[in-house]
Amino acid sequence: MTSPRILIYGTCCLSDATLRELIKLWERCIDSQNPDCDVVMIDAPGPYGVEKVLRPPKWSWETESGHIYRADPIDYGLMHRWVYSFTENAGHLNRGGKDGAGRAFMQGMMIAMQRGYDYCVHVEGDLIMTRPIRPWVERMHKHGIKCAAPFDSYYQFGEWGLSFFNVDWLRETNFMERYDWPRQTGLPIPEIKIEQLCGDEFFTLPIRGLRNDFHQVTRAHMTSAFPYGIDYITHCYKDFGIYTELMKRNGVPLT
């Protein structure tokens, strides 16, 4: 069986200094665990520019209007890494704007279709995933699974910040057109909308983690909260150190 070609895509809007530092950890995890995958970061312009973190020559740069800079990632022993930057920030549904998160989510899928990838995997810019992506994709490929994600036990929906898609299936089902981000109003919320679009093809993956919106997990009780190990975490607004603790526990270098 031919090994599938994978695009990992992140999404970010660096609205504060903490998120800028988090992107540095995100990059270290991606590089450490996925040197055999291409990576694109979908950037919505924010006060703390991603170009100050993901720098050339390691990262290429592209905008809506065309390519600006291309690097040779072979020097880093990595596949291609580049940033796709929107011209304007669409905002956020919860803050009175448009569905900017949905726009970025769909753009990663569009790039995967245009450039001939077999699978695309969304790893949101504020989500730290400390395990390799390829073994999960290989499992999907073997069993013909079209879309998959972990299941968030608190919110009771798929964690689309870490989600896996077969690109041919996205194309065949007109997934992006059906999502139709410009028309999203927040009802149903994007997470439920995506779940509805996936339908019977959505499978959950045994990847352990959660959205830490309410500080459910702290560094002190990470082991008791996840006795069988924790693979990812996101939304650690109160304690940035939870991200670095997770990386240490799972052997991902911090520098």
Protein backbone atom coordinates (compact mmCIF):
# COMPACT_ATOMS: atom_id res chain seq x y z
CA MET A 1 0.00 0.00 0.00
CA THR A 2 1.39 3.38 -1.02
CA SER A 3 2.07 5.70 1.89
CA PRO A 4 -0.42 8.61 1.77
CA ARG A 5 0.76 12.14 1.18
CA ILE A 6 -0.21 14.25 4.21
CA LEU A 7 -0.67 17.98 4.69
CA ILE A 8 -0.81 19.22 8.27
CA TYR A 9 -2.41 22.64 8.49
CA GLY A 10 -2.56 24.96 11.44
CA THR A 11 -4.82 27.97 11.90
CA CYS A 12 -3.96 31.02 13.94
CA CYS A 13 -4.61 34.67 14.69
CA LEU A 14 -1.93 35.96 17.04
CA SER A 15 -3.95 38.42 19.09
CA ASP A 16 -1.63 38.48 22.11
CA ALA A 17 1.91 37.67 23.21
CA THR A 18 0.87 34.39 24.85
CA LEU A 19 -0.43 33.02 21.56
CA ARG A 20 2.79 34.08 19.88
CA GLU A 21 4.78 32.01 22.38
CA LEU A 22 2.36 29.11 21.95
CA ILE A 23 3.01 29.05 18.19
CA LYS A 24 6.69 28.45 18.99
CA LEU A 25 5.75 25.35 20.98
CA TRP A 26 3.35 24.26 18.23
CA GLU A 27 6.17 24.48 15.70
CA ARG A 28 8.52 22.43 17.90
CA CYS A 29 5.93 19.67 18.30
CA ILE A 30 5.14 19.59 14.59
CA ASP A 31 8.82 19.49 13.60
CA SER A 32 9.78 16.92 16.22
CA GLN A 33 6.95 14.49 15.53
CA ASN A 34 6.18 15.04 11.84
CA PRO A 35 9.35 15.63 9.78
CA ASP A 36 7.84 13.54 6.97
CA CYS A 37 4.74 15.73 6.46
CA ASP A 38 4.26 19.03 4.67
CA VAL A 39 2.94 21.82 6.91
CA VAL A 40 1.07 25.05 6.21
CA MET A 41 -0.01 27.62 8.79
CA ILE A 42 -3.16 29.54 7.82
CA ASP A 43 -2.71 33.03 9.26
CA ALA A 44 -5.40 35.63 9.91
CA PRO A 45 -3.56 38.93 10.47
CA GLY A 46 -3.29 39.87 14.15
CA PRO A 47 -1.40 42.35 16.33
CA TYR A 48 1.44 39.87 16.89
CA GLY A 49 2.47 38.82 13.40
CA VAL A 50 3.16 35.15 12.79
CA GLU A 51 6.05 36.22 10.54
CA LYS A 52 7.97 37.07 13.72
CA VAL A 53 7.75 33.43 14.78
CA LEU A 54 7.66 31.27 11.63
CA ARG A 55 10.58 32.86 9.80
CA PRO A 56 12.25 32.34 6.46
CA PRO A 57 14.27 30.57 5.20
CA LYS A 58 12.76 27.63 7.10
CA TRP A 59 9.23 28.79 6.24
CA SER A 60 8.01 29.97 2.86
CA TRP A 61 5.35 32.65 2.57
CA GLU A 62 2.19 32.95 0.50
CA THR A 63 -0.73 35.39 0.50
CA GLU A 64 -4.15 35.43 -1.11
CA SER A 65 -2.64 37.37 -4.01
CA GLY A 66 0.29 35.05 -4.67
CA HIS A 67 3.60 33.59 -3.57
CA ILE A 68 6.15 35.88 -1.92
CA TYR A 69 9.05 33.75 -0.75
CA ARG A 70 10.08 30.14 -1.11
CA ALA A 71 12.69 28.41 1.01
CA ASP A 72 14.51 25.11 0.63
CA PRO A 73 13.47 23.10 3.72
CA ILE A 74 15.94 20.33 2.89
CA ASP A 75 18.48 22.33 4.91
CA TYR A 76 16.37 21.56 7.98
CA GLY A 77 15.75 17.91 7.18
CA LEU A 78 12.04 18.66 6.85
CA MET A 79 9.35 18.60 4.20
CA HIS A 80 7.92 21.85 2.89
CA ARG A 81 6.72 24.37 5.48
CA TRP A 82 4.92 27.55 4.51
CA VAL A 83 2.52 30.22 5.75
CA TYR A 84 -0.64 31.18 3.91
CA SER A 85 -1.70 34.64 5.06
CA PHE A 86 -5.12 36.20 4.52
CA THR A 87 -5.18 39.88 3.60
CA GLU A 88 -7.84 40.72 6.20
CA ASN A 89 -9.06 39.28 9.48
CA ALA A 90 -12.66 38.03 9.15
CA GLY A 91 -13.21 38.12 12.92
CA HIS A 92 -14.89 35.56 15.15
CA LEU A 93 -18.55 34.59 15.51
CA ASN A 94 -18.39 34.88 19.31
CA ARG A 95 -17.06 38.43 19.06
CA GLY A 96 -19.42 39.92 16.54
CA GLY A 97 -17.38 39.07 13.45
CA LYS A 98 -17.71 36.55 10.67
CA ASP A 99 -16.71 32.89 10.86
CA GLY A 100 -12.98 33.51 10.57
CA ALA A 101 -12.17 30.16 12.16
CA GLY A 102 -14.33 28.40 9.59
CA ARG A 103 -12.71 30.33 6.75
CA ALA A 104 -9.24 29.21 7.88
CA PHE A 105 -10.44 25.64 8.47
CA MET A 106 -11.79 25.45 4.91
CA GLN A 107 -8.70 27.12 3.40
CA GLY A 108 -6.49 24.30 4.64
CA MET A 109 -8.78 21.81 2.93
CA MET A 110 -8.71 23.87 -0.27
CA ILE A 111 -4.91 23.89 -0.31
CA ALA A 112 -4.83 20.12 0.22
CA MET A 113 -7.16 19.64 -2.76
CA GLN A 114 -5.29 22.02 -5.03
CA ARG A 115 -1.89 20.49 -4.31
CA GLY A 116 -2.72 16.82 -4.55
CA TYR A 117 -2.54 15.59 -0.96
CA ASP A 118 -4.26 12.37 0.09
CA TYR A 119 -5.08 13.49 3.64
CA CYS A 120 -5.18 16.81 5.44
CA VAL A 121 -4.94 17.12 9.21
CA HIS A 122 -5.97 20.24 11.09
CA VAL A 123 -3.83 20.96 14.15
CA GLU A 124 -5.06 24.29 15.48
CA GLY A 125 -2.38 26.82 16.36
CA ASP A 126 -3.35 26.86 20.05
CA LEU A 127 -3.44 23.08 20.32
CA ILE A 128 -0.32 21.20 21.34
CA MET A 129 -0.24 17.67 19.90
CA THR A 130 2.71 15.62 21.10
CA ARG A 131 2.20 12.47 19.03
CA PRO A 132 3.05 11.79 15.37
CA ILE A 133 0.25 12.32 12.87
CA ARG A 134 1.17 9.70 10.29
CA PRO A 135 0.25 6.55 12.29
CA TRP A 136 -3.32 7.83 12.70
CA VAL A 137 -3.57 8.63 9.00
CA GLU A 138 -2.19 5.20 8.10
CA ARG A 139 -4.86 3.61 10.27
CA MET A 140 -7.58 5.63 8.53
CA HIS A 141 -6.13 4.77 5.13
CA LYS A 142 -6.07 1.05 5.94
CA HIS A 143 -9.72 0.97 7.01
CA GLY A 144 -11.16 3.48 4.52
CA ILE A 145 -12.12 6.06 7.15
CA LYS A 146 -12.95 9.44 5.61
CA CYS A 147 -12.93 11.78 8.61
CA ALA A 148 -11.96 11.40 12.25
CA ALA A 149 -11.15 13.37 15.40
CA PRO A 150 -10.88 12.87 19.15
CA PHE A 151 -14.11 13.35 21.11
CA ASP A 152 -14.20 16.12 23.70
CA SER A 153 -15.74 14.60 26.82
CA TYR A 154 -16.78 17.93 28.35
CA TYR A 155 -18.45 19.57 25.35
CA GLN A 156 -19.64 16.31 23.83
CA PHE A 157 -18.55 17.04 20.27
CA GLY A 158 -15.61 16.22 18.06
CA GLU A 159 -12.39 18.12 18.70
CA TRP A 160 -12.07 19.66 15.25
CA GLY A 161 -8.96 21.51 16.38
CA LEU A 162 -7.30 18.12 15.81
CA SER A 163 -9.10 16.51 12.89
CA PHE A 164 -8.25 14.20 10.00
CA PHE A 165 -9.80 14.15 6.52
CA ASN A 166 -9.50 12.14 3.33
CA VAL A 167 -9.03 14.78 0.64
CA ASP A 168 -10.81 12.89 -2.16
CA TRP A 169 -13.84 12.52 0.10
CA LEU A 170 -13.85 16.26 0.84
CA ARG A 171 -13.85 16.94 -2.88
CA GLU A 172 -16.48 14.35 -3.78
CA THR A 173 -18.90 15.53 -1.07
CA ASN A 174 -18.44 19.27 -1.74
CA PHE A 175 -17.59 19.63 1.93
CA MET A 176 -16.42 23.24 1.78
CA GLU A 177 -19.35 24.42 -0.31
CA ARG A 178 -21.77 22.78 2.11
CA TYR A 179 -20.08 24.36 5.11
CA ASP A 180 -20.33 27.77 3.37
CA TRP A 181 -18.39 29.81 5.93
CA PRO A 182 -19.57 33.27 4.79
CA ARG A 183 -23.15 32.30 5.70
CA GLN A 184 -22.41 30.85 9.13
CA THR A 185 -24.26 32.61 11.92
CA GLY A 186 -23.18 30.50 14.87
CA LEU A 187 -26.33 28.34 14.94
CA PRO A 188 -25.62 25.52 14.91
CA ILE A 189 -22.16 26.20 16.30
CA PRO A 190 -19.36 25.34 13.84
CA GLU A 191 -18.37 22.18 15.75
CA ILE A 192 -21.87 20.75 15.37
CA LYS A 193 -22.14 21.95 11.77
CA ILE A 194 -18.96 20.05 10.86
CA GLU A 195 -20.23 16.95 12.66
CA GLN A 196 -23.48 17.13 10.69
CA LEU A 197 -21.61 17.45 7.40
CA CYS A 198 -19.44 14.44 8.22
CA GLY A 199 -22.48 12.34 9.07
CA ASP A 200 -21.94 8.58 9.20
CA GLU A 201 -18.36 8.93 7.98
CA PHE A 202 -17.20 10.53 11.24
CA PHE A 203 -15.17 8.22 13.49
CA THR A 204 -13.64 9.09 16.85
CA LEU A 205 -9.97 8.42 17.53
CA PRO A 206 -8.50 7.26 20.87
CA ILE A 207 -6.29 10.34 21.18
CA ARG A 208 -6.35 11.56 24.78
CA GLY A 209 -6.72 15.23 25.68
CA LEU A 210 -9.24 18.03 26.09
CA ARG A 211 -10.13 21.72 25.84
CA ASN A 212 -8.98 23.12 29.16
CA ASP A 213 -11.41 26.07 29.17
CA PHE A 214 -12.26 25.72 32.84
CA HIS A 215 -8.81 24.73 34.11
CA GLN A 216 -9.96 21.14 34.57
CA VAL A 217 -6.36 19.94 34.17
CA THR A 218 -3.42 21.44 36.04
CA ARG A 219 0.22 20.50 36.03
CA ALA A 220 -0.17 19.08 39.53
CA HIS A 221 -2.83 16.53 38.67
CA MET A 222 -2.18 15.82 34.99
CA THR A 223 -1.37 12.18 35.78
CA SER A 224 -4.48 11.59 37.88
CA ALA A 225 -6.68 13.28 35.27
CA PHE A 226 -5.17 11.16 32.48
CA PRO A 227 -3.84 7.95 34.10
CA TYR A 228 -3.27 6.32 30.69
CA GLY A 229 -1.40 9.26 29.23
CA ILE A 230 -2.33 12.53 27.55
CA ASP A 231 -1.53 13.29 23.92
CA TYR A 232 -2.80 16.84 23.36
CA ILE A 233 -4.27 19.82 25.15
CA THR A 234 -5.66 23.19 24.15
CA HIS A 235 -7.18 26.36 25.67
CA CYS A 236 -4.87 26.49 28.70
CA TYR A 237 -5.58 30.16 29.31
CA LYS A 238 -4.73 30.22 33.02
CA ASP A 239 -1.45 28.29 32.98
CA PHE A 240 0.80 28.30 29.93
CA GLY A 241 3.11 25.87 31.74
CA ILE A 242 0.65 23.03 31.16
CA TYR A 243 1.75 22.98 27.52
CA THR A 244 5.43 22.70 28.37
CA GLU A 245 4.72 20.05 31.01
CA LEU A 246 2.87 17.97 28.42
CA MET A 247 5.80 18.26 26.01
CA LYS A 248 8.28 17.22 28.70
CA ARG A 249 6.19 14.20 29.72
CA ASN A 250 5.97 13.00 26.12
CA GLY A 251 9.59 13.62 25.21
CA VAL A 252 9.16 16.60 22.88
CA PRO A 253 12.14 18.98 23.10
CA LEU A 254 11.37 22.50 24.26
CA THR A 255 14.29 24.05 22.39
